[in-house]
Amino acid sequence: MDVMLLTVPDCPNLPLIEERLAEALSGRPEIHVARHVVTDHSQAQQLGMRGSPTILVNGRDPFAQPGQPAGLACRLYRHAGGVSGAPSVAQLRAALTDEAGDDT
């Protein structure tokens, strides 16, 4: 499984998403997270970045909303507790589990 974390330079939500990703990936050493800093809109479009931070699992954004454009702006994620600058640990685990199930 390929996981890529896309952010803009100095993304204020980077520490939060790194913390949540580490927790979601605990016990899953086979999953490596690549990180890429996106610096312009054309890169964001090419990579499918829908705001910073964006997580791609096997090249797909499991949190994308229909019609959500590519961009460099801060991204918010909705979850049971409201909104945050990163998906919850439970959301990350579900996305990774769903994608792993698709590989079988």
PDB file of N, CA and C in Angstrom:
ATOM      1  N   MET A   1       0.850  -1.168   0.000  1.00  0.00           N
ATOM      2  CA  MET A   1       0.000   0.000   0.000  1.00  0.00           C
ATOM      3  C   MET A   1       0.899   1.235   0.000  1.00  0.00           C
ATOM      4  N   ASP A   2       0.599   2.166  -0.883  1.00  0.00           N
ATOM      5  CA  ASP A   2       1.342   3.417  -0.964  1.00  0.00           C
ATOM      6  C   ASP A   2       0.539   4.528  -0.307  1.00  0.00           C
ATOM      7  N   VAL A   3       1.167   5.244   0.627  1.00  0.00           N
ATOM      8  CA  VAL A   3       0.536   6.381   1.285  1.00  0.00           C
ATOM      9  C   VAL A   3       1.425   7.588   1.046  1.00  0.00           C
ATOM     10  N   MET A   4       0.816   8.669   0.559  1.00  0.00           N
ATOM     11  CA  MET A   4       1.567   9.899   0.340  1.00  0.00           C
ATOM     12  C   MET A   4       0.860  11.032   1.065  1.00  0.00           C
ATOM     13  N   LEU A   5       1.641  11.830   1.765  1.00  0.00           N
ATOM     14  CA  LEU A   5       1.146  12.999   2.464  1.00  0.00           C
ATOM     15  C   LEU A   5       1.597  14.229   1.693  1.00  0.00           C
ATOM     16  N   LEU A   6       0.636  15.001   1.216  1.00  0.00           N
ATOM     17  CA  LEU A   6       0.910  16.223   0.461  1.00  0.00           C
ATOM     18  C   LEU A   6       0.611  17.427   1.342  1.00  0.00           C
ATOM     19  N   THR A   7       1.559  18.355   1.405  1.00  0.00           N
ATOM     20  CA  THR A   7       1.356  19.576   2.180  1.00  0.00           C
ATOM     21  C   THR A   7       1.959  20.763   1.437  1.00  0.00           C
ATOM     22  N   VAL A   8       1.568  21.935   1.866  1.00  0.00           N
ATOM     23  CA  VAL A   8       2.214  23.157   1.395  1.00  0.00           C
ATOM     24  C   VAL A   8       3.370  23.459   2.352  1.00  0.00           C
ATOM     25  N   PRO A   9       4.305  24.326   1.958  1.00  0.00           N
ATOM     26  CA  PRO A   9       5.382  24.684   2.882  1.00  0.00           C
ATOM     27  C   PRO A   9       4.812  25.279   4.178  1.00  0.00           C
ATOM     28  N   ASP A  10       5.355  24.875   5.285  1.00  0.00           N
ATOM     29  CA  ASP A  10       4.961  25.389   6.602  1.00  0.00           C
ATOM     30  C   ASP A  10       3.479  25.190   6.915  1.00  0.00           C
ATOM     31  N   CYS A  11       2.900  24.098   6.462  1.00  0.00           N
ATOM     32  CA  CYS A  11       1.486  23.802   6.732  1.00  0.00           C
ATOM     33  C   CYS A  11       1.246  23.774   8.244  1.00  0.00           C
ATOM     34  N   PRO A  12       0.314  24.580   8.756  1.00  0.00           N
ATOM     35  CA  PRO A  12       0.076  24.604  10.197  1.00  0.00           C
ATOM     36  C   PRO A  12      -0.544  23.310  10.724  1.00  0.00           C
ATOM     37  N   ASN A  13      -1.116  22.496   9.835  1.00  0.00           N
ATOM     38  CA  ASN A  13      -1.736  21.246  10.271  1.00  0.00           C
ATOM     39  C   ASN A  13      -0.809  20.038  10.157  1.00  0.00           C
ATOM     40  N   LEU A  14       0.424  20.261   9.710  1.00  0.00           N
ATOM     41  CA  LEU A  14       1.361  19.149   9.548  1.00  0.00           C
ATOM     42  C   LEU A  14       1.628  18.409  10.863  1.00  0.00           C
ATOM     43  N   PRO A  15       1.899  19.089  11.967  1.00  0.00           N
ATOM     44  CA  PRO A  15       2.138  18.337  13.216  1.00  0.00           C
ATOM     45  C   PRO A  15       0.932  17.480  13.630  1.00  0.00           C
ATOM     46  N   LEU A  16      -0.270  17.991  13.436  1.00  0.00           N
ATOM     47  CA  LEU A  16      -1.474  17.254  13.806  1.00  0.00           C
ATOM     48  C   LEU A  16      -1.638  16.009  12.945  1.00  0.00           C
ATOM     49  N   ILE A  17      -1.484  16.152  11.641  1.00  0.00           N
ATOM     50  CA  ILE A  17      -1.677  14.986  10.774  1.00  0.00           C
ATOM     51  C   ILE A  17      -0.554  13.969  10.961  1.00  0.00           C
ATOM     52  N   GLU A  18       0.657  14.429  11.216  1.00  0.00           N
ATOM     53  CA  GLU A  18       1.765  13.501  11.470  1.00  0.00           C
ATOM     54  C   GLU A  18       1.484  12.688  12.731  1.00  0.00           C
ATOM     55  N   GLU A  19       0.989  13.344  13.769  1.00  0.00           N
ATOM     56  CA  GLU A  19       0.657  12.656  15.017  1.00  0.00           C
ATOM     57  C   GLU A  19      -0.444  11.621  14.797  1.00  0.00           C
ATOM     58  N   ARG A  20      -1.485  12.013  14.098  1.00  0.00           N
ATOM     59  CA  ARG A  20      -2.610  11.095  13.866  1.00  0.00           C
ATOM     60  C   ARG A  20      -2.222   9.951  12.937  1.00  0.00           C
ATOM     61  N   LEU A  21      -1.418  10.236  11.928  1.00  0.00           N
ATOM     62  CA  LEU A  21      -0.952   9.169  11.041  1.00  0.00           C
ATOM     63  C   LEU A  21      -0.105   8.162  11.807  1.00  0.00           C
ATOM     64  N   ALA A  22       0.780   8.653  12.646  1.00  0.00           N
ATOM     65  CA  ALA A  22       1.626   7.754  13.439  1.00  0.00           C
ATOM     66  C   ALA A  22       0.766   6.831  14.295  1.00  0.00           C
ATOM     67  N   GLU A  23      -0.268   7.376  14.900  1.00  0.00           N
ATOM     68  CA  GLU A  23      -1.159   6.550  15.726  1.00  0.00           C
ATOM     69  C   GLU A  23      -1.938   5.557  14.875  1.00  0.00           C
ATOM     70  N   ALA A  24      -2.441   6.015  13.729  1.00  0.00           N
ATOM     71  CA  ALA A  24      -3.217   5.136  12.845  1.00  0.00           C
ATOM     72  C   ALA A  24      -2.359   4.012  12.271  1.00  0.00           C
ATOM     73  N   LEU A  25      -1.081   4.270  12.084  1.00  0.00           N
ATOM     74  CA  LEU A  25      -0.179   3.281  11.490  1.00  0.00           C
ATOM     75  C   LEU A  25       0.550   2.437  12.528  1.00  0.00           C
ATOM     76  N   SER A  26       0.300   2.680  13.798  1.00  0.00           N
ATOM     77  CA  SER A  26       0.933   1.902  14.850  1.00  0.00           C
ATOM     78  C   SER A  26       0.638   0.420  14.642  1.00  0.00           C
ATOM     79  N   GLY A  27       1.683  -0.384  14.656  1.00  0.00           N
ATOM     80  CA  GLY A  27       1.505  -1.815  14.437  1.00  0.00           C
ATOM     81  C   GLY A  27       1.421  -2.214  12.981  1.00  0.00           C
ATOM     82  N   ARG A  28       1.645  -1.260  12.094  1.00  0.00           N
ATOM     83  CA  ARG A  28       1.599  -1.552  10.645  1.00  0.00           C
ATOM     84  C   ARG A  28       2.906  -1.093   9.990  1.00  0.00           C
ATOM     85  N   PRO A  29       4.027  -1.715  10.359  1.00  0.00           N
ATOM     86  CA  PRO A  29       5.326  -1.271   9.859  1.00  0.00           C
ATOM     87  C   PRO A  29       5.502  -1.460   8.360  1.00  0.00           C
ATOM     88  N   GLU A  30       4.645  -2.238   7.747  1.00  0.00           N
ATOM     89  CA  GLU A  30       4.752  -2.462   6.303  1.00  0.00           C
ATOM     90  C   GLU A  30       4.308  -1.246   5.493  1.00  0.00           C
ATOM     91  N   ILE A  31       3.624  -0.307   6.132  1.00  0.00           N
ATOM     92  CA  ILE A  31       3.141   0.882   5.417  1.00  0.00           C
ATOM     93  C   ILE A  31       4.130   2.021   5.615  1.00  0.00           C
ATOM     94  N   HIS A  32       4.656   2.492   4.518  1.00  0.00           N
ATOM     95  CA  HIS A  32       5.581   3.624   4.528  1.00  0.00           C
ATOM     96  C   HIS A  32       4.841   4.849   3.993  1.00  0.00           C
ATOM     97  N   VAL A  33       5.039   5.974   4.628  1.00  0.00           N
ATOM     98  CA  VAL A  33       4.412   7.217   4.194  1.00  0.00           C
ATOM     99  C   VAL A  33       5.461   8.086   3.514  1.00  0.00           C
ATOM    100  N   ALA A  34       5.211   8.392   2.244  1.00  0.00           N
ATOM    101  CA  ALA A  34       6.059   9.342   1.526  1.00  0.00           C
ATOM    102  C   ALA A  34       5.478  10.734   1.760  1.00  0.00           C
ATOM    103  N   ARG A  35       6.341  11.707   1.790  1.00  0.00           N
ATOM    104  CA  ARG A  35       5.903  13.088   2.017  1.00  0.00           C
ATOM    105  C   ARG A  35       6.363  13.948   0.855  1.00  0.00           C
ATOM    106  N   HIS A  36       5.477  14.857   0.443  1.00  0.00           N
ATOM    107  CA  HIS A  36       5.801  15.729  -0.686  1.00  0.00           C
ATOM    108  C   HIS A  36       5.264  17.130  -0.387  1.00  0.00           C
ATOM    109  N   VAL A  37       6.133  18.121  -0.505  1.00  0.00           N
ATOM    110  CA  VAL A  37       5.727  19.512  -0.323  1.00  0.00           C
ATOM    111  C   VAL A  37       5.366  20.071  -1.694  1.00  0.00           C
ATOM    112  N   VAL A  38       4.141  20.562  -1.807  1.00  0.00           N
ATOM    113  CA  VAL A  38       3.612  21.092  -3.068  1.00  0.00           C
ATOM    114  C   VAL A  38       3.740  22.612  -3.029  1.00  0.00           C
ATOM    115  N   THR A  39       4.344  23.170  -4.079  1.00  0.00           N
ATOM    116  CA  THR A  39       4.641  24.600  -4.058  1.00  0.00           C
ATOM    117  C   THR A  39       3.865  25.435  -5.063  1.00  0.00           C
ATOM    118  N   ASP A  40       3.144  24.789  -5.994  1.00  0.00           N
ATOM    119  CA  ASP A  40       2.367  25.595  -6.936  1.00  0.00           C
ATOM    120  C   ASP A  40       1.095  24.859  -7.355  1.00  0.00           C
ATOM    121  N   HIS A  41       0.188  25.628  -7.940  1.00  0.00           N
ATOM    122  CA  HIS A  41      -1.133  25.103  -8.282  1.00  0.00           C
ATOM    123  C   HIS A  41      -1.061  23.980  -9.319  1.00  0.00           C
ATOM    124  N   SER A  42      -0.162  24.077 -10.276  1.00  0.00           N
ATOM    125  CA  SER A  42      -0.082  23.020 -11.291  1.00  0.00           C
ATOM    126  C   SER A  42       0.342  21.696 -10.661  1.00  0.00           C
ATOM    127  N   GLN A  43       1.250  21.728  -9.686  1.00  0.00           N
ATOM    128  CA  GLN A  43       1.626  20.522  -8.953  1.00  0.00           C
ATOM    129  C   GLN A  43       0.427  19.982  -8.184  1.00  0.00           C
ATOM    130  N   ALA A  44      -0.315  20.867  -7.554  1.00  0.00           N
ATOM    131  CA  ALA A  44      -1.494  20.448  -6.788  1.00  0.00           C
ATOM    132  C   ALA A  44      -2.490  19.738  -7.705  1.00  0.00           C
ATOM    133  N   GLN A  45      -2.717  20.280  -8.882  1.00  0.00           N
ATOM    134  CA  GLN A  45      -3.633  19.649  -9.829  1.00  0.00           C
ATOM    135  C   GLN A  45      -3.107  18.297 -10.286  1.00  0.00           C
ATOM    136  N   GLN A  46      -1.838  18.250 -10.637  1.00  0.00           N
ATOM    137  CA  GLN A  46      -1.232  17.019 -11.135  1.00  0.00           C
ATOM    138  C   GLN A  46      -1.283  15.899 -10.095  1.00  0.00           C
ATOM    139  N   LEU A  47      -1.049  16.242  -8.835  1.00  0.00           N
ATOM    140  CA  LEU A  47      -1.004  15.240  -7.771  1.00  0.00           C
ATOM    141  C   LEU A  47      -2.368  14.937  -7.145  1.00  0.00           C
ATOM    142  N   GLY A  48      -3.359  15.777  -7.418  1.00  0.00           N
ATOM    143  CA  GLY A  48      -4.679  15.578  -6.825  1.00  0.00           C
ATOM    144  C   GLY A  48      -4.777  16.099  -5.404  1.00  0.00           C
ATOM    145  N   MET A  49      -4.045  17.167  -5.131  1.00  0.00           N
ATOM    146  CA  MET A  49      -4.072  17.774  -3.799  1.00  0.00           C
ATOM    147  C   MET A  49      -5.266  18.700  -3.682  1.00  0.00           C
ATOM    148  N   ARG A  50      -6.132  18.402  -2.732  1.00  0.00           N
ATOM    149  CA  ARG A  50      -7.350  19.189  -2.535  1.00  0.00           C
ATOM    150  C   ARG A  50      -7.248  20.026  -1.266  1.00  0.00           C
ATOM    151  N   GLY A  51      -6.119  20.632  -1.082  1.00  0.00           N
ATOM    152  CA  GLY A  51      -5.855  21.417   0.111  1.00  0.00           C
ATOM    153  C   GLY A  51      -4.802  20.738   0.958  1.00  0.00           C
ATOM    154  N   SER A  52      -4.250  21.497   1.869  1.00  0.00           N
ATOM    155  CA  SER A  52      -3.162  20.984   2.696  1.00  0.00           C
ATOM    156  C   SER A  52      -3.636  20.790   4.129  1.00  0.00           C
ATOM    157  N   PRO A  53      -3.461  19.583   4.629  1.00  0.00           N
ATOM    158  CA  PRO A  53      -2.799  18.418   4.070  1.00  0.00           C
ATOM    159  C   PRO A  53      -3.774  17.524   3.301  1.00  0.00           C
ATOM    160  N   THR A  54      -3.236  16.800   2.328  1.00  0.00           N
ATOM    161  CA  THR A  54      -3.991  15.783   1.597  1.00  0.00           C
ATOM    162  C   THR A  54      -3.264  14.461   1.761  1.00  0.00           C
ATOM    163  N   ILE A  55      -4.026  13.419   1.994  1.00  0.00           N
ATOM    164  CA  ILE A  55      -3.474  12.068   2.094  1.00  0.00           C
ATOM    165  C   ILE A  55      -3.964  11.276   0.888  1.00  0.00           C
ATOM    166  N   LEU A  56      -3.030  10.662   0.189  1.00  0.00           N
ATOM    167  CA  LEU A  56      -3.366   9.776  -0.917  1.00  0.00           C
ATOM    168  C   LEU A  56      -3.025   8.350  -0.512  1.00  0.00           C
ATOM    169  N   VAL A  57      -3.970   7.453  -0.685  1.00  0.00           N
ATOM    170  CA  VAL A  57      -3.755   6.038  -0.401  1.00  0.00           C
ATOM    171  C   VAL A  57      -3.865   5.311  -1.735  1.00  0.00           C
ATOM    172  N   ASN A  58      -2.747   4.727  -2.156  1.00  0.00           N
ATOM    173  CA  ASN A  58      -2.670   4.102  -3.485  1.00  0.00           C
ATOM    174  C   ASN A  58      -3.109   5.075  -4.576  1.00  0.00           C
ATOM    175  N   GLY A  59      -2.689   6.338  -4.430  1.00  0.00           N
ATOM    176  CA  GLY A  59      -2.957   7.360  -5.429  1.00  0.00           C
ATOM    177  C   GLY A  59      -4.340   7.971  -5.367  1.00  0.00           C
ATOM    178  N   ARG A  60      -5.149   7.553  -4.403  1.00  0.00           N
ATOM    179  CA  ARG A  60      -6.534   8.039  -4.306  1.00  0.00           C
ATOM    180  C   ARG A  60      -6.725   8.791  -3.005  1.00  0.00           C
ATOM    181  N   ASP A  61      -7.496   9.862  -3.068  1.00  0.00           N
ATOM    182  CA  ASP A  61      -7.812  10.651  -1.877  1.00  0.00           C
ATOM    183  C   ASP A  61      -9.101  10.101  -1.264  1.00  0.00           C
ATOM    184  N   PRO A  62      -8.991   9.332  -0.177  1.00  0.00           N
ATOM    185  CA  PRO A  62     -10.187   8.726   0.401  1.00  0.00           C
ATOM    186  C   PRO A  62     -11.121   9.721   1.084  1.00  0.00           C
ATOM    187  N   PHE A  63     -10.684  10.962   1.234  1.00  0.00           N
ATOM    188  CA  PHE A  63     -11.491  11.972   1.922  1.00  0.00           C
ATOM    189  C   PHE A  63     -12.026  13.036   0.966  1.00  0.00           C
ATOM    190  N   ALA A  64     -11.808  12.868  -0.315  1.00  0.00           N
ATOM    191  CA  ALA A  64     -12.239  13.869  -1.298  1.00  0.00           C
ATOM    192  C   ALA A  64     -13.758  13.944  -1.373  1.00  0.00           C
ATOM    193  N   GLN A  65     -14.239  15.150  -1.502  1.00  0.00           N
ATOM    194  CA  GLN A  65     -15.665  15.384  -1.701  1.00  0.00           C
ATOM    195  C   GLN A  65     -15.896  15.593  -3.191  1.00  0.00           C
ATOM    196  N   PRO A  66     -17.026  15.132  -3.727  1.00  0.00           N
ATOM    197  CA  PRO A  66     -17.296  15.332  -5.152  1.00  0.00           C
ATOM    198  C   PRO A  66     -17.199  16.813  -5.533  1.00  0.00           C
ATOM    199  N   GLY A  67     -16.501  17.075  -6.611  1.00  0.00           N
ATOM    200  CA  GLY A  67     -16.373  18.437  -7.114  1.00  0.00           C
ATOM    201  C   GLY A  67     -15.355  19.281  -6.393  1.00  0.00           C
ATOM    202  N   GLN A  68     -14.678  18.728  -5.411  1.00  0.00           N
ATOM    203  CA  GLN A  68     -13.678  19.485  -4.662  1.00  0.00           C
ATOM    204  C   GLN A  68     -12.462  19.727  -5.556  1.00  0.00           C
ATOM    205  N   PRO A  69     -12.132  21.000  -5.808  1.00  0.00           N
ATOM    206  CA  PRO A  69     -11.032  21.296  -6.729  1.00  0.00           C
ATOM    207  C   PRO A  69      -9.660  21.117  -6.075  1.00  0.00           C
ATOM    208  N   ALA A  70      -8.664  20.970  -6.909  1.00  0.00           N
ATOM    209  CA  ALA A  70      -7.281  20.947  -6.434  1.00  0.00           C
ATOM    210  C   ALA A  70      -6.923  22.344  -5.943  1.00  0.00           C
ATOM    211  N   GLY A  71      -6.028  22.409  -4.952  1.00  0.00           N
ATOM    212  CA  GLY A  71      -5.631  23.719  -4.464  1.00  0.00           C
ATOM    213  C   GLY A  71      -4.597  23.638  -3.357  1.00  0.00           C
ATOM    214  N   LEU A  72      -4.098  24.815  -3.012  1.00  0.00           N
ATOM    215  CA  LEU A  72      -3.044  24.943  -2.011  1.00  0.00           C
ATOM    216  C   LEU A  72      -3.547  25.467  -0.669  1.00  0.00           C
ATOM    217  N   ALA A  73      -4.818  25.766  -0.554  1.00  0.00           N
ATOM    218  CA  ALA A  73      -5.382  26.329   0.676  1.00  0.00           C
ATOM    219  C   ALA A  73      -5.374  25.296   1.799  1.00  0.00           C
ATOM    220  N   CYS A  74      -5.569  25.753   3.022  1.00  0.00           N
ATOM    221  CA  CYS A  74      -5.717  24.833   4.145  1.00  0.00           C
ATOM    222  C   CYS A  74      -6.969  23.991   3.935  1.00  0.00           C
ATOM    223  N   ARG A  75      -6.895  22.763   4.345  1.00  0.00           N
ATOM    224  CA  ARG A  75      -8.009  21.838   4.178  1.00  0.00           C
ATOM    225  C   ARG A  75      -8.584  21.486   5.541  1.00  0.00           C
ATOM    226  N   LEU A  76      -9.905  21.386   5.587  1.00  0.00           N
ATOM    227  CA  LEU A  76     -10.591  20.967   6.805  1.00  0.00           C
ATOM    228  C   LEU A  76     -11.263  19.617   6.577  1.00  0.00           C
ATOM    229  N   TYR A  77     -11.269  18.815   7.601  1.00  0.00           N
ATOM    230  CA  TYR A  77     -11.880  17.485   7.553  1.00  0.00           C
ATOM    231  C   TYR A  77     -13.008  17.433   8.577  1.00  0.00           C
ATOM    232  N   ARG A  78     -14.149  16.908   8.159  1.00  0.00           N
ATOM    233  CA  ARG A  78     -15.298  16.765   9.056  1.00  0.00           C
ATOM    234  C   ARG A  78     -15.239  15.400   9.738  1.00  0.00           C
ATOM    235  N   HIS A  79     -15.584  15.379  11.014  1.00  0.00           N
ATOM    236  CA  HIS A  79     -15.677  14.128  11.759  1.00  0.00           C
ATOM    237  C   HIS A  79     -16.689  14.319  12.880  1.00  0.00           C
ATOM    238  N   ALA A  80     -16.918  13.284  13.644  1.00  0.00           N
ATOM    239  CA  ALA A  80     -17.969  13.319  14.667  1.00  0.00           C
ATOM    240  C   ALA A  80     -17.814  14.480  15.641  1.00  0.00           C
ATOM    241  N   GLY A  81     -16.592  14.890  15.916  1.00  0.00           N
ATOM    242  CA  GLY A  81     -16.356  15.973  16.858  1.00  0.00           C
ATOM    243  C   GLY A  81     -16.415  17.356  16.243  1.00  0.00           C
ATOM    244  N   GLY A  82     -16.668  17.452  14.961  1.00  0.00           N
ATOM    245  CA  GLY A  82     -16.731  18.749  14.271  1.00  0.00           C
ATOM    246  C   GLY A  82     -15.813  18.785  13.071  1.00  0.00           C
ATOM    247  N   VAL A  83     -14.947  19.786  13.014  1.00  0.00           N
ATOM    248  CA  VAL A  83     -13.992  19.898  11.916  1.00  0.00           C
ATOM    249  C   VAL A  83     -12.588  20.057  12.492  1.00  0.00           C
ATOM    250  N   SER A  84     -11.618  19.647  11.687  1.00  0.00           N
ATOM    251  CA  SER A  84     -10.230  19.683  12.124  1.00  0.00           C
ATOM    252  C   SER A  84      -9.341  19.808  10.901  1.00  0.00           C
ATOM    253  N   GLY A  85      -8.087  20.130  11.126  1.00  0.00           N
ATOM    254  CA  GLY A  85      -7.122  20.253  10.047  1.00  0.00           C
ATOM    255  C   GLY A  85      -6.554  18.922   9.592  1.00  0.00           C
ATOM    256  N   ALA A  86      -7.062  17.823  10.134  1.00  0.00           N
ATOM    257  CA  ALA A  86      -6.622  16.483   9.754  1.00  0.00           C
ATOM    258  C   ALA A  86      -7.752  15.499  10.043  1.00  0.00           C
ATOM    259  N   PRO A  87      -7.807  14.393   9.298  1.00  0.00           N
ATOM    260  CA  PRO A  87      -8.786  13.362   9.628  1.00  0.00           C
ATOM    261  C   PRO A  87      -8.505  12.808  11.023  1.00  0.00           C
ATOM    262  N   SER A  88      -9.530  12.275  11.658  1.00  0.00           N
ATOM    263  CA  SER A  88      -9.340  11.639  12.963  1.00  0.00           C
ATOM    264  C   SER A  88      -8.543  10.342  12.779  1.00  0.00           C
ATOM    265  N   VAL A  89      -8.018   9.834  13.859  1.00  0.00           N
ATOM    266  CA  VAL A  89      -7.299   8.559  13.811  1.00  0.00           C
ATOM    267  C   VAL A  89      -8.238   7.467  13.299  1.00  0.00           C
ATOM    268  N   ALA A  90      -9.474   7.464  13.765  1.00  0.00           N
ATOM    269  CA  ALA A  90     -10.450   6.460  13.320  1.00  0.00           C
ATOM    270  C   ALA A  90     -10.702   6.570  11.818  1.00  0.00           C
ATOM    271  N   GLN A  91     -10.816   7.782  11.300  1.00  0.00           N
ATOM    272  CA  GLN A  91     -11.015   7.966   9.861  1.00  0.00           C
ATOM    273  C   GLN A  91      -9.810   7.472   9.071  1.00  0.00           C
ATOM    274  N   LEU A  92      -8.616   7.758   9.562  1.00  0.00           N
ATOM    275  CA  LEU A  92      -7.406   7.291   8.884  1.00  0.00           C
ATOM    276  C   LEU A  92      -7.341   5.769   8.877  1.00  0.00           C
ATOM    277  N   ARG A  93      -7.613   5.164  10.016  1.00  0.00           N
ATOM    278  CA  ARG A  93      -7.593   3.694  10.084  1.00  0.00           C
ATOM    279  C   ARG A  93      -8.616   3.088   9.130  1.00  0.00           C
ATOM    280  N   ALA A  94      -9.813   3.670   9.080  1.00  0.00           N
ATOM    281  CA  ALA A  94     -10.850   3.167   8.177  1.00  0.00           C
ATOM    282  C   ALA A  94     -10.416   3.291   6.718  1.00  0.00           C
ATOM    283  N   ALA A  95      -9.812   4.413   6.357  1.00  0.00           N
ATOM    284  CA  ALA A  95      -9.360   4.615   4.970  1.00  0.00           C
ATOM    285  C   ALA A  95      -8.281   3.595   4.612  1.00  0.00           C
ATOM    286  N   LEU A  96      -7.365   3.338   5.525  1.00  0.00           N
ATOM    287  CA  LEU A  96      -6.302   2.370   5.264  1.00  0.00           C
ATOM    288  C   LEU A  96      -6.858   0.947   5.186  1.00  0.00           C
ATOM    289  N   THR A  97      -7.802   0.631   6.040  1.00  0.00           N
ATOM    290  CA  THR A  97      -8.424  -0.687   6.033  1.00  0.00           C
ATOM    291  C   THR A  97      -9.237  -0.893   4.763  1.00  0.00           C
ATOM    292  N   ASP A  98     -10.007   0.118   4.367  1.00  0.00           N
ATOM    293  CA  ASP A  98     -10.799   0.032   3.139  1.00  0.00           C
ATOM    294  C   ASP A  98      -9.908  -0.192   1.938  1.00  0.00           C
ATOM    295  N   GLU A  99      -8.815   0.544   1.872  1.00  0.00           N
ATOM    296  CA  GLU A  99      -7.912   0.424   0.727  1.00  0.00           C
ATOM    297  C   GLU A  99      -7.220  -0.933   0.731  1.00  0.00           C
ATOM    298  N   ALA A 100      -6.848  -1.423   1.897  1.00  0.00           N
ATOM    299  CA  ALA A 100      -6.213  -2.741   1.986  1.00  0.00           C
ATOM    300  C   ALA A 100      -7.187  -3.821   1.515  1.00  0.00           C
ATOM    301  N   GLY A 101      -8.466  -3.648   1.849  1.00  0.00           N
ATOM    302  CA  GLY A 101      -9.487  -4.599   1.409  1.00  0.00           C
ATOM    303  C   GLY A 101      -9.667  -4.597  -0.089  1.00  0.00           C
ATOM    304  N   ASP A 102      -9.470  -3.429  -0.720  1.00  0.00           N
ATOM    305  CA  ASP A 102      -9.588  -3.324  -2.168  1.00  0.00           C
ATOM    306  C   ASP A 102      -8.458  -4.043  -2.882  1.00  0.00           C
ATOM    307  N   ASP A 103      -7.325  -4.251  -2.212  1.00  0.00           N
ATOM    308  CA  ASP A 103      -6.165  -4.902  -2.823  1.00  0.00           C
ATOM    309  C   ASP A 103      -6.299  -6.412  -2.881  1.00  0.00           C
ATOM    310  N   THR A 104      -7.229  -6.969  -2.115  1.00  0.00           N
ATOM    311  CA  THR A 104      -7.334  -8.425  -2.055  1.00  0.00           C
ATOM    312  C   THR A 104      -8.231  -8.969  -3.116  1.00  0.00           C
TER     313      THR A 104
END
